[in-house]
Amino acid sequence: MQFTIAHDHPCLPGHFPGRPLVPGVVVLEQVLRAVEAQAGVPLAALRLPQVKFMAPLLPGQTARIELDGQGPRWKFRVWRGDELLARGELVADAEGAAA
């Protein structure tokens, strides 16, 4: 799944003035969307036991998410071209998938 965070996203003015960076939580929100799209259901309860950010994502840059695994555990990588931006693991709790 590919995504781009627009220059006018509401999270950017305070993160950081003069040199906006996409906050990690916004990147992780895109990871969650990719997992939910693959699972076919919204996830109500989840954990992120392991996340590492290696490089920043700037507004307007296109990134892509790669997923490995299936519910309830997925490993993810977020790439900008050939550069790894983030990697980690998302785990849905036993009741994590909404009915």
C-alpha atoms as a PDB file:
ATOM      1  CA  MET A   1       0.000   0.000   0.000  1.00  0.00           C
ATOM      2  CA  GLN A   2       1.293   3.442  -0.891  1.00  0.00           C
ATOM      3  CA  PHE A   3       0.472   6.676   0.880  1.00  0.00           C
ATOM      4  CA  THR A   4       1.407  10.354   0.879  1.00  0.00           C
ATOM      5  CA  ILE A   5       0.796  12.821   3.700  1.00  0.00           C
ATOM      6  CA  ALA A   6      -0.233  16.170   2.231  1.00  0.00           C
ATOM      7  CA  HIS A   7       1.584  19.408   3.063  1.00  0.00           C
ATOM      8  CA  ASP A   8      -1.611  20.739   4.673  1.00  0.00           C
ATOM      9  CA  HIS A   9      -2.186  17.778   7.050  1.00  0.00           C
ATOM     10  CA  PRO A  10      -3.321  19.165  10.440  1.00  0.00           C
ATOM     11  CA  CYS A  11      -0.472  17.453  12.349  1.00  0.00           C
ATOM     12  CA  LEU A  12       2.291  19.325  10.539  1.00  0.00           C
ATOM     13  CA  PRO A  13       2.236  22.943  11.793  1.00  0.00           C
ATOM     14  CA  GLY A  14       3.648  21.984  15.202  1.00  0.00           C
ATOM     15  CA  HIS A  15       5.863  19.124  14.029  1.00  0.00           C
ATOM     16  CA  PHE A  16       8.237  20.994  13.424  1.00  0.00           C
ATOM     17  CA  PRO A  17       7.938  24.696  12.593  1.00  0.00           C
ATOM     18  CA  GLY A  18      10.141  25.557   9.626  1.00  0.00           C
ATOM     19  CA  ARG A  19      10.918  21.918   8.775  1.00  0.00           C
ATOM     20  CA  PRO A  20       7.787  19.784   8.990  1.00  0.00           C
ATOM     21  CA  LEU A  21       8.196  16.042   9.499  1.00  0.00           C
ATOM     22  CA  VAL A  22       5.398  13.496   9.401  1.00  0.00           C
ATOM     23  CA  PRO A  23       4.966  12.288  13.009  1.00  0.00           C
ATOM     24  CA  GLY A  24       5.579   8.593  13.638  1.00  0.00           C
ATOM     25  CA  VAL A  25       2.029   8.141  14.902  1.00  0.00           C
ATOM     26  CA  VAL A  26       0.707   9.269  11.497  1.00  0.00           C
ATOM     27  CA  VAL A  27       2.949   6.731   9.756  1.00  0.00           C
ATOM     28  CA  LEU A  28       1.716   4.028  12.159  1.00  0.00           C
ATOM     29  CA  GLU A  29      -1.889   5.009  11.413  1.00  0.00           C
ATOM     30  CA  GLN A  30      -1.169   4.179   7.754  1.00  0.00           C
ATOM     31  CA  VAL A  31       0.312   0.817   8.810  1.00  0.00           C
ATOM     32  CA  LEU A  32      -2.892   0.076  10.743  1.00  0.00           C
ATOM     33  CA  ARG A  33      -4.974   0.955   7.677  1.00  0.00           C
ATOM     34  CA  ALA A  34      -2.892  -1.429   5.551  1.00  0.00           C
ATOM     35  CA  VAL A  35      -3.304  -4.254   8.092  1.00  0.00           C
ATOM     36  CA  GLU A  36      -7.059  -3.664   8.351  1.00  0.00           C
ATOM     37  CA  ALA A  37      -7.325  -3.702   4.547  1.00  0.00           C
ATOM     38  CA  GLN A  38      -5.467  -7.021   4.421  1.00  0.00           C
ATOM     39  CA  ALA A  39      -7.473  -8.507   7.301  1.00  0.00           C
ATOM     40  CA  GLY A  40     -10.757  -7.259   5.885  1.00  0.00           C
ATOM     41  CA  VAL A  41     -11.972  -6.079   9.313  1.00  0.00           C
ATOM     42  CA  PRO A  42     -11.260  -3.182  11.651  1.00  0.00           C
ATOM     43  CA  LEU A  43      -9.006  -4.017  14.588  1.00  0.00           C
ATOM     44  CA  ALA A  44     -10.358  -2.892  17.945  1.00  0.00           C
ATOM     45  CA  ALA A  45      -7.452  -3.814  20.240  1.00  0.00           C
ATOM     46  CA  LEU A  46      -3.834  -4.089  19.233  1.00  0.00           C
ATOM     47  CA  ARG A  47      -0.264  -3.796  20.421  1.00  0.00           C
ATOM     48  CA  LEU A  48       2.898  -2.548  18.767  1.00  0.00           C
ATOM     49  CA  PRO A  49       5.522  -4.547  20.684  1.00  0.00           C
ATOM     50  CA  GLN A  50       8.321  -3.494  18.383  1.00  0.00           C
ATOM     51  CA  VAL A  51       8.720  -0.355  16.250  1.00  0.00           C
ATOM     52  CA  LYS A  52      11.884   1.301  14.988  1.00  0.00           C
ATOM     53  CA  PHE A  53      12.079   4.484  12.930  1.00  0.00           C
ATOM     54  CA  MET A  54      15.225   4.817  10.821  1.00  0.00           C
ATOM     55  CA  ALA A  55      14.538   7.935   8.752  1.00  0.00           C
ATOM     56  CA  PRO A  56      11.931  10.696   8.620  1.00  0.00           C
ATOM     57  CA  LEU A  57       9.087  11.005   6.152  1.00  0.00           C
ATOM     58  CA  LEU A  58       8.527  14.505   4.822  1.00  0.00           C
ATOM     59  CA  PRO A  59       5.165  15.906   3.693  1.00  0.00           C
ATOM     60  CA  GLY A  60       4.447  15.184   0.055  1.00  0.00           C
ATOM     61  CA  GLN A  61       6.786  12.177  -0.116  1.00  0.00           C
ATOM     62  CA  THR A  62       5.300   8.851  -1.167  1.00  0.00           C
ATOM     63  CA  ALA A  63       5.944   5.858   1.059  1.00  0.00           C
ATOM     64  CA  ARG A  64       4.880   2.244   0.751  1.00  0.00           C
ATOM     65  CA  ILE A  65       4.036  -0.361   3.364  1.00  0.00           C
ATOM     66  CA  GLU A  66       5.017  -4.014   3.101  1.00  0.00           C
ATOM     67  CA  LEU A  67       3.339  -6.555   5.375  1.00  0.00           C
ATOM     68  CA  ASP A  68       4.391 -10.074   6.297  1.00  0.00           C
ATOM     69  CA  GLY A  69       2.220 -12.515   8.191  1.00  0.00           C
ATOM     70  CA  GLN A  70      -1.472 -12.733   8.899  1.00  0.00           C
ATOM     71  CA  GLY A  71      -3.698 -12.085  11.857  1.00  0.00           C
ATOM     72  CA  PRO A  72      -3.195 -11.785  14.645  1.00  0.00           C
ATOM     73  CA  ARG A  73       0.478 -10.847  14.004  1.00  0.00           C
ATOM     74  CA  TRP A  74       1.979  -8.802  11.185  1.00  0.00           C
ATOM     75  CA  LYS A  75       5.500  -7.542  10.600  1.00  0.00           C
ATOM     76  CA  PHE A  76       5.704  -4.315   8.642  1.00  0.00           C
ATOM     77  CA  ARG A  77       8.236  -2.193   6.795  1.00  0.00           C
ATOM     78  CA  VAL A  78       7.703   1.344   5.542  1.00  0.00           C
ATOM     79  CA  TRP A  79       9.824   2.381   2.564  1.00  0.00           C
ATOM     80  CA  ARG A  80      10.461   5.592   0.640  1.00  0.00           C
ATOM     81  CA  GLY A  81      11.916   4.287  -2.596  1.00  0.00           C
ATOM     82  CA  ASP A  82      14.772   2.008  -1.519  1.00  0.00           C
ATOM     83  CA  GLU A  83      15.194   3.645   1.901  1.00  0.00           C
ATOM     84  CA  LEU A  84      13.721   1.862   4.931  1.00  0.00           C
ATOM     85  CA  LEU A  85      11.908   4.425   7.094  1.00  0.00           C
ATOM     86  CA  ALA A  86      10.390   2.183   9.763  1.00  0.00           C
ATOM     87  CA  ARG A  87       9.884  -1.434  10.703  1.00  0.00           C
ATOM     88  CA  GLY A  88       8.093  -3.273  13.439  1.00  0.00           C
ATOM     89  CA  GLU A  89       5.333  -5.589  14.482  1.00  0.00           C
ATOM     90  CA  LEU A  90       1.600  -5.137  15.038  1.00  0.00           C
ATOM     91  CA  VAL A  91      -0.351  -7.692  17.075  1.00  0.00           C
ATOM     92  CA  ALA A  92      -4.141  -7.865  17.406  1.00  0.00           C
ATOM     93  CA  ASP A  93      -5.363  -9.132  20.759  1.00  0.00           C
ATOM     94  CA  ALA A  94      -7.568 -12.239  20.795  1.00  0.00           C
ATOM     95  CA  GLU A  95     -10.650 -10.037  20.707  1.00  0.00           C
ATOM     96  CA  GLY A  96      -8.860  -7.491  18.497  1.00  0.00           C
ATOM     97  CA  ALA A  97     -10.959  -7.982  15.409  1.00  0.00           C
ATOM     98  CA  ALA A  98     -14.309  -6.254  15.591  1.00  0.00           C
ATOM     99  CA  ALA A  99     -17.336  -8.431  14.899  1.00  0.00           C
END
